[in-house]
């Protein structure tokens, strides 16, 4: 389990990110998918990532160092943020530059709202990741808001919609920031990848 989680820095340029000496795991999703709440749940630090009722609050690449072993990165969300097209274009360039150039990025967790039918914007983003060989893991959020059967139905529908994008079904987790559902499974995955990183470097 996570013992320490500290904010490191924020910036808009992947070239200014911390030295790539630790494995890195990034979190991204639609602007109101519950990303900050999930990050706070995983780290067990309520105020680590800033939560807001206003979509689009995160506008920078935010680095946190976890147990001095790995980096957690909170990325700006995509879609629905009430900002100018110019700023959206800058976000797009910033995010895609980071995802394709960051050499120690072990996985990007793409957050999907488990309450919804498959959303075009999510499918378009994971298609872009597949085309650019960005390693993704899906995290379905807000699983406490619906019945278990409905969540499973929505997850299955999304995986079916994404079937044409991947040769194999991507790894995925079902989570709830409220109940901490999925916390142990996500952290076990991160720990395993982190151990592999240090074994190879």
Protein backbone atom coordinates (compact mmCIF):
# COMPACT_ATOMS: atom_id res chain seq x y z
CA UNK A 1 0.00 0.00 0.00
CA UNK A 2 1.07 3.59 -0.60
CA UNK A 3 2.89 5.23 2.30
CA UNK A 4 3.88 8.61 0.86
CA UNK A 5 2.47 10.65 -2.00
CA UNK A 6 3.96 14.07 -2.71
CA UNK A 7 3.28 16.70 -5.34
CA UNK A 8 6.41 17.30 -7.41
CA UNK A 9 5.72 19.82 -10.19
CA UNK A 10 3.32 21.03 -12.87
CA UNK A 11 4.17 22.13 -16.38
CA UNK A 12 2.96 22.30 -19.98
CA UNK A 13 6.02 20.77 -21.64
CA UNK A 14 6.97 17.09 -21.47
CA UNK A 15 10.61 18.12 -21.91
CA UNK A 16 10.45 19.76 -18.49
CA UNK A 17 9.12 16.67 -16.70
CA UNK A 18 11.28 15.05 -13.97
CA UNK A 19 14.23 12.93 -15.06
CA UNK A 20 12.85 9.58 -16.30
CA UNK A 21 14.53 7.55 -13.57
CA UNK A 22 11.31 6.08 -12.15
CA UNK A 23 8.44 4.21 -13.82
CA UNK A 24 5.54 6.52 -14.65
CA UNK A 25 1.79 5.96 -14.71
CA UNK A 26 -0.52 8.63 -16.13
CA UNK A 27 -4.26 9.16 -15.63
CA UNK A 28 -6.53 10.73 -18.22
CA UNK A 29 -10.21 10.77 -19.15
CA UNK A 30 -13.14 12.97 -20.04
CA UNK A 31 -13.24 16.13 -17.98
CA UNK A 32 -15.95 14.93 -15.58
CA UNK A 33 -15.03 11.27 -15.22
CA UNK A 34 -13.88 11.48 -11.60
CA UNK A 35 -10.12 11.44 -12.19
CA UNK A 36 -9.06 13.53 -9.18
CA UNK A 37 -11.29 11.53 -6.85
CA UNK A 38 -9.80 8.28 -8.15
CA UNK A 39 -6.23 9.54 -7.68
CA UNK A 40 -7.01 10.64 -4.13
CA UNK A 41 -8.62 7.25 -3.42
CA UNK A 42 -5.67 5.28 -4.79
CA UNK A 43 -3.12 7.27 -2.79
CA UNK A 44 -5.36 7.59 0.29
CA UNK A 45 -4.59 11.33 0.30
CA UNK A 46 -7.84 13.27 0.09
CA UNK A 47 -6.38 16.54 -1.15
CA UNK A 48 -3.58 15.26 -3.38
CA UNK A 49 -5.36 15.93 -6.67
CA UNK A 50 -7.66 18.94 -6.72
CA UNK A 51 -11.29 17.97 -7.23
CA UNK A 52 -13.74 20.44 -8.71
CA UNK A 53 -17.34 20.61 -9.82
CA UNK A 54 -16.09 22.53 -12.83
CA UNK A 55 -14.93 20.23 -15.66
CA UNK A 56 -11.55 21.08 -17.13
CA UNK A 57 -9.95 22.14 -13.85
CA UNK A 58 -6.72 20.25 -14.58
CA UNK A 59 -4.85 22.19 -17.25
CA UNK A 60 -1.25 21.06 -16.65
CA UNK A 61 0.86 17.91 -16.56
CA UNK A 62 0.93 17.29 -12.79
CA UNK A 63 3.63 14.99 -11.38
CA UNK A 64 3.45 13.25 -8.00
CA UNK A 65 6.12 10.96 -6.57
CA UNK A 66 4.78 7.88 -4.81
CA UNK A 67 6.85 6.14 -2.10
CA UNK A 68 9.90 7.55 -3.90
CA UNK A 69 9.49 4.60 -6.31
CA UNK A 70 7.21 5.75 -9.12
CA UNK A 71 5.61 8.80 -10.66
CA UNK A 72 1.86 9.35 -10.85
CA UNK A 73 0.80 11.88 -13.48
CA UNK A 74 -2.52 13.71 -13.55
CA UNK A 75 -3.18 14.82 -17.13
CA UNK A 76 -5.75 17.36 -18.39
CA UNK A 77 -9.06 15.76 -19.30
CA UNK A 78 -10.44 15.77 -22.81
CA UNK A 79 -13.83 17.02 -23.95
CA UNK A 80 -16.60 19.10 -22.38
CA UNK A 81 -14.31 21.65 -20.74
CA UNK A 82 -15.61 25.17 -21.37
CA UNK A 83 -12.41 26.63 -22.78
CA UNK A 84 -11.44 28.24 -26.05
CA UNK A 85 -10.53 26.22 -29.14
CA UNK A 86 -7.05 27.69 -28.93
CA UNK A 87 -6.57 26.36 -25.41
CA UNK A 88 -8.03 22.99 -26.37
CA UNK A 89 -5.53 22.85 -29.23
CA UNK A 90 -2.70 23.59 -26.81
CA UNK A 91 -3.93 20.86 -24.45
CA UNK A 92 -4.11 18.43 -27.35
CA UNK A 93 -0.53 19.17 -28.38
CA UNK A 94 0.70 19.01 -24.79
CA UNK A 95 -0.97 15.68 -24.00
CA UNK A 96 -0.01 13.95 -27.24
CA UNK A 97 3.58 15.19 -27.00
CA UNK A 98 3.81 13.81 -23.48
CA UNK A 99 2.23 10.45 -24.35
CA UNK A 100 4.45 9.79 -27.37
CA UNK A 101 7.74 11.19 -26.06
CA UNK A 102 7.87 10.27 -22.37
CA UNK A 103 10.28 7.33 -22.33
CA UNK A 104 9.54 6.01 -18.83
CA UNK A 105 5.74 5.99 -19.29
CA UNK A 106 4.78 2.42 -18.39
CA UNK A 107 1.02 2.77 -18.79
CA UNK A 108 -1.69 5.34 -19.22
CA UNK A 109 -4.88 4.69 -17.32
CA UNK A 110 -7.79 5.84 -19.48
CA UNK A 111 -10.79 6.51 -17.26
CA UNK A 112 -14.25 5.57 -18.53
CA UNK A 113 -17.51 6.49 -16.77
CA UNK A 114 -19.15 3.13 -16.04
CA UNK A 115 -22.60 4.76 -15.90
CA UNK A 116 -22.62 5.61 -19.60
CA UNK A 117 -23.03 3.89 -22.92
CA UNK A 118 -19.81 3.85 -25.00
CA UNK A 119 -18.84 7.43 -25.75
CA UNK A 120 -17.37 8.40 -29.13
CA UNK A 121 -14.77 10.70 -27.56
CA UNK A 122 -13.38 7.86 -25.40
CA UNK A 123 -13.23 5.45 -28.33
CA UNK A 124 -11.48 8.06 -30.48
CA UNK A 125 -8.88 8.65 -27.78
CA UNK A 126 -8.04 4.97 -27.25
CA UNK A 127 -7.89 4.53 -31.04
CA UNK A 128 -5.30 7.31 -31.16
CA UNK A 129 -3.35 5.55 -28.36
CA UNK A 130 -3.44 2.26 -30.26
CA UNK A 131 -2.27 3.91 -33.47
CA UNK A 132 0.62 5.57 -31.62
CA UNK A 133 1.51 2.48 -29.57
CA UNK A 134 0.74 4.17 -26.26
CA UNK A 135 0.26 1.43 -23.61
CA UNK A 136 -3.20 1.83 -22.07
CA UNK A 137 -5.17 0.28 -19.24
CA UNK A 138 -8.87 1.05 -18.88
CA UNK A 139 -10.35 2.11 -15.55
CA UNK A 140 -14.12 2.21 -15.30
CA UNK A 141 -15.09 4.76 -12.64
CA UNK A 142 -18.13 5.47 -10.44
CA UNK A 143 -19.15 1.80 -10.16
CA UNK A 144 -21.01 2.56 -6.93
CA UNK A 145 -23.57 4.69 -8.79
CA UNK A 146 -25.30 1.76 -10.54
CA UNK A 147 -26.20 -1.84 -9.81
CA UNK A 148 -23.46 -4.43 -10.32
CA UNK A 149 -25.29 -5.96 -13.28
CA UNK A 150 -25.73 -2.58 -15.00
CA UNK A 151 -22.06 -1.72 -14.52
CA UNK A 152 -21.06 -5.09 -15.98
CA UNK A 153 -23.40 -4.51 -18.90
CA UNK A 154 -21.92 -1.06 -19.62
CA UNK A 155 -18.35 -2.37 -19.31
CA UNK A 156 -19.14 -5.21 -21.72
CA UNK A 157 -20.72 -2.75 -24.17
CA UNK A 158 -17.62 -0.55 -24.12
CA UNK A 159 -15.25 -3.47 -24.59
CA UNK A 160 -17.37 -4.67 -27.50
CA UNK A 161 -17.28 -1.19 -29.08
CA UNK A 162 -13.49 -1.13 -28.64
CA UNK A 163 -13.02 -4.62 -30.07
CA UNK A 164 -12.02 -3.38 -33.51
CA UNK A 165 -9.27 -1.20 -32.05
CA UNK A 166 -7.25 -3.87 -30.25
CA UNK A 167 -6.20 -7.38 -31.18
CA UNK A 168 -6.85 -8.42 -27.58
CA UNK A 169 -9.15 -6.98 -24.94
CA UNK A 170 -7.13 -4.40 -23.00
CA UNK A 171 -6.53 -4.86 -19.30
CA UNK A 172 -9.23 -3.09 -17.30
CA UNK A 173 -10.32 -2.40 -13.73
CA UNK A 174 -13.71 -1.43 -12.30
CA UNK A 175 -13.44 1.15 -9.54
CA UNK A 176 -15.29 3.42 -7.14
CA UNK A 177 -13.70 6.39 -5.41
CA UNK A 178 -16.47 6.25 -2.80
CA UNK A 179 -16.04 2.62 -1.73
CA UNK A 180 -12.38 2.15 -2.80
CA UNK A 181 -13.47 -0.68 -5.07
CA UNK A 182 -10.61 -1.71 -7.36
CA UNK A 183 -7.94 0.09 -5.32
CA UNK A 184 -6.01 -3.02 -4.38
CA UNK A 185 -6.12 -4.43 -7.92
CA UNK A 186 -4.87 -1.21 -9.55
CA UNK A 187 -2.05 -0.80 -7.03
CA UNK A 188 -1.02 -4.45 -7.41
CA UNK A 189 -0.72 -3.90 -11.17
CA UNK A 190 1.36 -0.73 -10.67
CA UNK A 191 3.59 -2.51 -8.15
CA UNK A 192 4.22 -5.45 -10.49
CA UNK A 193 5.13 -3.15 -13.39
CA UNK A 194 7.32 -1.05 -11.10
CA UNK A 195 9.24 -4.12 -9.92
CA UNK A 196 9.77 -5.16 -13.56
CA UNK A 197 11.03 -1.65 -14.38
CA UNK A 198 13.70 -1.77 -11.68
CA UNK A 199 14.65 -5.35 -12.53
CA UNK A 200 15.36 -4.24 -16.10
CA UNK A 201 17.10 -0.94 -15.32
